[in-house]
Amino acid sequence: MPDPHSPESIRPWPLVAGIGYLIIIATGIFAEFIVRGGIIVRGDAAETARLLLASESLYRLGIAGELVMLVCDVLVAVALYVLFRGVSRNLALLAAALRVTHAAVVAVNLIQLSIPLRMLRDSSLVTALDVAPREALSLLALDTHAYGYVVGLVFFGVQCLVMGRLVWCSGFAPRALGALLGVAGVGYLVDSFARTLLASYHSHEALFGAVVIGPAVLGEVAFCVWLLVRGTALATRAPAAPRPA
């Protein structure tokens, strides 16, 4: 029976996971910070509507980017399962299930992003509403999407904790990466529940971003870099010669 920890057994999977992770990070940053960060003006529905209509192509591109991100999330879930199933099949399966659940929640949540386009662009669908209510409902849909993302991050945070445990116990990945992923998981969970439980969350959002989300993102980026480096090394290494019978 082949050793599941051997380079031959795991050869393609770190690179698949690393490339997928890199695409997830790039498309996530683009959609959240470049697209929506440049369009949504908190508390100002009219200005948000104006910016969205002025950047409609960019807004649609952000949605497309998130669709690509979600496909990559499923691919990464499978790749990480295969890579770490030799450590603990049950934990690897749990991590994959949590990651796919996160992707499913975020995918359904993307429907919210279509509402502003229909509200603001296709006025024939909402003829009973004046411009101001349509703008307000559009901003509400964007805010609801933001919270839906928070719900998805609960599953993702637990996935990071499980993956951190797998990395820590693997024997072929640096234990520091496992610790960083554990920190990332705690960070996502703390931020998600803070958004849910604290009515004054927005007053402390910058603090949560610096103290909680910053280290969480650092852990994910470090894991992505390790997967790419490990994957490239394995992919370019000549396969071991077969043992004589």
Protein backbone atom coordinates (compact mmCIF):
# COMPACT_ATOMS: atom_id res chain seq x y z
CA MET A 1 0.00 0.00 0.00
CA PRO A 2 1.54 3.38 -1.00
CA ASP A 3 2.49 5.77 1.77
CA PRO A 4 -0.04 8.68 1.72
CA HIS A 5 2.70 10.99 3.05
CA SER A 6 5.13 10.20 0.22
CA PRO A 7 5.92 12.87 -2.41
CA GLU A 8 4.60 10.56 -5.14
CA SER A 9 1.22 10.24 -3.42
CA ILE A 10 0.69 13.95 -2.84
CA ARG A 11 2.67 15.27 -5.83
CA PRO A 12 0.00 17.34 -7.67
CA TRP A 13 -2.19 18.36 -4.77
CA PRO A 14 -0.19 21.09 -3.02
CA LEU A 15 0.20 22.95 -6.31
CA VAL A 16 -3.50 22.57 -7.16
CA ALA A 17 -4.42 23.87 -3.71
CA GLY A 18 -1.84 26.67 -3.85
CA ILE A 19 -2.93 27.96 -7.25
CA GLY A 20 -6.58 27.73 -6.22
CA TYR A 21 -5.85 29.55 -2.97
CA LEU A 22 -3.98 32.29 -4.85
CA ILE A 23 -6.96 32.81 -7.17
CA ILE A 24 -9.31 32.89 -4.16
CA ILE A 25 -7.22 35.56 -2.43
CA ALA A 26 -6.85 37.66 -5.59
CA THR A 27 -10.52 37.53 -6.61
CA GLY A 28 -11.68 38.03 -3.02
CA ILE A 29 -9.57 41.17 -2.59
CA PHE A 30 -10.71 42.46 -5.97
CA ALA A 31 -14.43 41.93 -5.31
CA GLU A 32 -14.50 43.09 -1.69
CA PHE A 33 -12.05 45.98 -1.58
CA ILE A 34 -11.59 47.25 -5.14
CA VAL A 35 -15.16 46.80 -6.40
CA ARG A 36 -17.52 47.05 -3.43
CA GLY A 37 -15.09 49.12 -1.38
CA GLY A 38 -15.12 51.75 -4.11
CA ILE A 39 -18.90 51.71 -4.59
CA ILE A 40 -20.60 51.31 -1.21
CA VAL A 41 -20.90 54.48 0.87
CA ARG A 42 -22.21 53.52 4.29
CA GLY A 43 -25.40 55.36 5.17
CA ASP A 44 -25.67 57.09 1.78
CA ALA A 45 -27.99 55.13 -0.50
CA ALA A 46 -28.12 57.81 -3.20
CA GLU A 47 -24.34 58.08 -3.56
CA THR A 48 -23.96 54.31 -3.49
CA ALA A 49 -26.53 54.00 -6.29
CA ARG A 50 -24.77 56.68 -8.33
CA LEU A 51 -21.38 55.00 -7.97
CA LEU A 52 -22.81 51.57 -8.76
CA LEU A 53 -24.48 52.73 -11.97
CA ALA A 54 -21.35 54.64 -12.98
CA SER A 55 -19.26 51.49 -12.45
CA GLU A 56 -21.77 48.84 -13.49
CA SER A 57 -19.29 46.86 -15.61
CA LEU A 58 -16.81 46.77 -12.73
CA TYR A 59 -19.60 45.74 -10.35
CA ARG A 60 -20.60 42.87 -12.64
CA LEU A 61 -16.95 41.86 -12.99
CA GLY A 62 -16.74 41.66 -9.21
CA ILE A 63 -19.67 39.22 -9.15
CA ALA A 64 -18.01 37.14 -11.87
CA GLY A 65 -14.79 37.15 -9.87
CA GLU A 66 -16.63 35.78 -6.84
CA LEU A 67 -18.09 32.98 -8.96
CA VAL A 68 -14.56 32.02 -10.00
CA MET A 69 -13.51 32.23 -6.34
CA LEU A 70 -16.26 29.80 -5.30
CA VAL A 71 -15.32 27.24 -7.95
CA CYS A 72 -11.72 27.44 -6.74
CA ASP A 73 -12.93 27.01 -3.15
CA VAL A 74 -14.42 23.63 -4.04
CA LEU A 75 -11.24 22.61 -5.90
CA VAL A 76 -9.11 23.63 -2.92
CA ALA A 77 -11.38 21.66 -0.58
CA VAL A 78 -10.83 18.51 -2.64
CA ALA A 79 -7.08 19.11 -3.00
CA LEU A 80 -6.57 19.67 0.73
CA TYR A 81 -8.64 16.60 1.54
CA VAL A 82 -6.44 14.40 -0.65
CA LEU A 83 -3.29 16.04 0.69
CA PHE A 84 -4.16 15.60 4.38
CA ARG A 85 -6.33 12.46 4.44
CA GLY A 86 -3.23 10.45 5.39
CA VAL A 87 -3.01 12.49 8.59
CA SER A 88 -6.63 11.96 9.62
CA ARG A 89 -9.27 10.96 7.11
CA ASN A 90 -12.11 12.09 9.37
CA LEU A 91 -10.63 15.53 10.08
CA ALA A 92 -9.71 16.02 6.42
CA LEU A 93 -13.28 15.15 5.41
CA LEU A 94 -14.66 17.52 8.06
CA ALA A 95 -12.44 20.35 6.80
CA ALA A 96 -13.54 19.73 3.20
CA ALA A 97 -17.22 19.64 4.19
CA LEU A 98 -16.89 22.91 6.13
CA ARG A 99 -15.13 24.61 3.24
CA VAL A 100 -17.74 23.46 0.72
CA THR A 101 -20.52 24.59 3.09
CA HIS A 102 -18.86 28.01 3.31
CA ALA A 103 -18.75 28.15 -0.50
CA ALA A 104 -22.44 27.18 -0.72
CA VAL A 105 -23.49 29.89 1.75
CA VAL A 106 -21.48 32.54 -0.10
CA ALA A 107 -22.83 31.33 -3.47
CA VAL A 108 -26.46 31.68 -2.37
CA ASN A 109 -25.60 35.03 -0.83
CA LEU A 110 -24.41 36.32 -4.24
CA ILE A 111 -28.06 36.60 -5.27
CA GLN A 112 -28.22 39.70 -3.05
CA LEU A 113 -25.78 41.43 -5.42
CA SER A 114 -28.22 41.12 -8.33
CA ILE A 115 -30.92 43.08 -6.48
CA PRO A 116 -29.32 46.55 -6.80
CA LEU A 117 -28.90 46.05 -10.54
CA ARG A 118 -32.57 45.16 -10.95
CA MET A 119 -33.73 47.90 -8.59
CA LEU A 120 -31.69 50.67 -10.16
CA ARG A 121 -31.44 49.63 -13.80
CA ASP A 122 -34.69 47.80 -14.56
CA SER A 123 -37.26 50.22 -13.14
CA SER A 124 -40.10 48.41 -14.96
CA LEU A 125 -39.91 45.72 -12.26
CA VAL A 126 -40.49 48.18 -9.43
CA THR A 127 -42.79 50.79 -10.93
CA ALA A 128 -44.59 51.25 -7.60
CA LEU A 129 -41.43 52.63 -5.97
CA ASP A 130 -39.86 56.04 -6.38
CA VAL A 131 -36.13 56.50 -6.86
CA ALA A 132 -35.26 57.03 -3.17
CA PRO A 133 -36.90 53.79 -1.91
CA ARG A 134 -35.22 51.84 -4.70
CA GLU A 135 -31.86 53.29 -3.72
CA ALA A 136 -32.50 52.44 -0.06
CA LEU A 137 -33.48 48.86 -0.89
CA SER A 138 -30.38 48.51 -3.05
CA LEU A 139 -28.15 49.56 -0.17
CA LEU A 140 -30.06 47.19 2.13
CA ALA A 141 -29.33 44.33 -0.29
CA LEU A 142 -25.63 45.21 -0.26
CA ASP A 143 -25.62 45.34 3.54
CA THR A 144 -27.45 41.99 3.69
CA HIS A 145 -24.85 40.50 1.35
CA ALA A 146 -22.11 41.70 3.69
CA TYR A 147 -23.76 39.92 6.61
CA GLY A 148 -24.32 36.79 4.54
CA TYR A 149 -20.57 36.74 3.99
CA VAL A 150 -20.15 36.87 7.77
CA VAL A 151 -22.36 33.77 8.11
CA GLY A 152 -20.19 31.94 5.60
CA LEU A 153 -17.05 32.90 7.51
CA VAL A 154 -18.32 31.04 10.59
CA PHE A 155 -18.01 27.77 8.65
CA PHE A 156 -14.72 28.92 7.16
CA GLY A 157 -13.34 29.82 10.58
CA VAL A 158 -14.06 26.35 11.94
CA GLN A 159 -12.49 24.92 8.78
CA CYS A 160 -9.32 26.89 9.52
CA LEU A 161 -9.20 25.42 13.04
CA VAL A 162 -9.54 21.87 11.70
CA MET A 163 -7.00 22.50 8.95
CA GLY A 164 -4.62 24.00 11.50
CA ARG A 165 -4.84 20.78 13.50
CA LEU A 166 -4.14 18.70 10.39
CA VAL A 167 -1.13 20.82 9.43
CA TRP A 168 0.20 20.71 13.01
CA CYS A 169 0.01 16.91 13.12
CA SER A 170 1.03 16.22 9.51
CA GLY A 171 4.78 15.84 9.93
CA PHE A 172 5.39 17.26 6.44
CA ALA A 173 4.19 20.85 6.94
CA PRO A 174 5.70 23.40 9.34
CA ARG A 175 3.88 23.42 12.66
CA ALA A 176 4.01 27.22 12.61
CA LEU A 177 1.59 27.11 9.67
CA GLY A 178 -0.81 25.03 11.72
CA ALA A 179 -0.63 27.60 14.51
CA LEU A 180 -1.22 30.46 12.05
CA LEU A 181 -4.26 28.71 10.60
CA GLY A 182 -5.58 28.17 14.12
CA VAL A 183 -5.16 31.88 14.80
CA ALA A 184 -6.93 32.62 11.50
CA GLY A 185 -9.85 30.42 12.48
CA VAL A 186 -10.20 32.10 15.86
CA GLY A 187 -9.98 35.50 14.18
CA TYR A 188 -12.75 34.80 11.69
CA LEU A 189 -15.00 33.38 14.41
CA VAL A 190 -14.41 36.29 16.79
CA ASP A 191 -15.13 38.83 14.04
CA SER A 192 -18.23 37.00 12.79
CA PHE A 193 -19.79 36.69 16.24
CA ALA A 194 -18.78 40.25 17.14
CA ARG A 195 -20.68 41.50 14.08
CA THR A 196 -23.68 39.46 15.20
CA LEU A 197 -23.65 40.26 18.91
CA LEU A 198 -22.33 43.84 19.12
CA ALA A 199 -24.76 46.58 18.11
CA SER A 200 -21.82 49.00 18.19
CA TYR A 201 -19.56 46.80 16.01
CA HIS A 202 -19.09 49.47 13.34
CA SER A 203 -17.65 51.81 15.97
CA HIS A 204 -14.86 49.27 16.56
CA GLU A 205 -14.53 47.90 13.02
CA ALA A 206 -11.02 49.31 12.49
CA LEU A 207 -9.83 47.68 15.71
CA PHE A 208 -11.27 44.30 14.73
CA GLY A 209 -9.70 44.64 11.31
CA ALA A 210 -6.23 45.28 12.72
CA VAL A 211 -6.24 42.90 15.69
CA VAL A 212 -8.43 40.05 14.44
CA ILE A 213 -8.76 39.96 10.66
CA GLY A 214 -5.18 41.08 9.89
CA PRO A 215 -3.53 38.06 11.55
CA ALA A 216 -6.21 35.79 10.08
CA VAL A 217 -5.44 36.89 6.53
CA LEU A 218 -1.70 36.56 7.26
CA GLY A 219 -2.22 32.92 8.22
CA GLU A 220 -4.08 32.18 5.00
CA VAL A 221 -1.48 33.93 2.84
CA ALA A 222 1.34 32.03 4.57
CA PHE A 223 -0.48 28.74 3.94
CA CYS A 224 -0.98 29.67 0.28
CA VAL A 225 2.73 30.47 -0.14
CA TRP A 226 3.74 27.18 1.47
CA LEU A 227 1.38 25.23 -0.80
CA LEU A 228 2.81 26.95 -3.89
CA VAL A 229 6.43 26.38 -2.83
CA ARG A 230 5.79 22.79 -1.76
CA GLY A 231 3.71 22.11 -4.84
CA THR A 232 6.27 23.52 -7.25
CA ALA A 233 9.05 21.50 -5.60
CA LEU A 234 7.05 18.28 -5.85
CA ALA A 235 5.86 18.94 -9.39
CA THR A 236 9.40 19.51 -10.69
CA ARG A 237 10.98 16.61 -8.80
CA ALA A 238 11.62 13.47 -10.79
CA PRO A 239 9.49 10.55 -9.61
CA ALA A 240 11.28 7.97 -7.54
CA ALA A 241 12.49 4.91 -9.39
CA PRO A 242 10.28 1.88 -8.80
CA ARG A 243 11.65 -0.71 -6.44
CA PRO A 244 12.73 -3.95 -8.07
CA ALA A 245 10.30 -6.80 -7.56
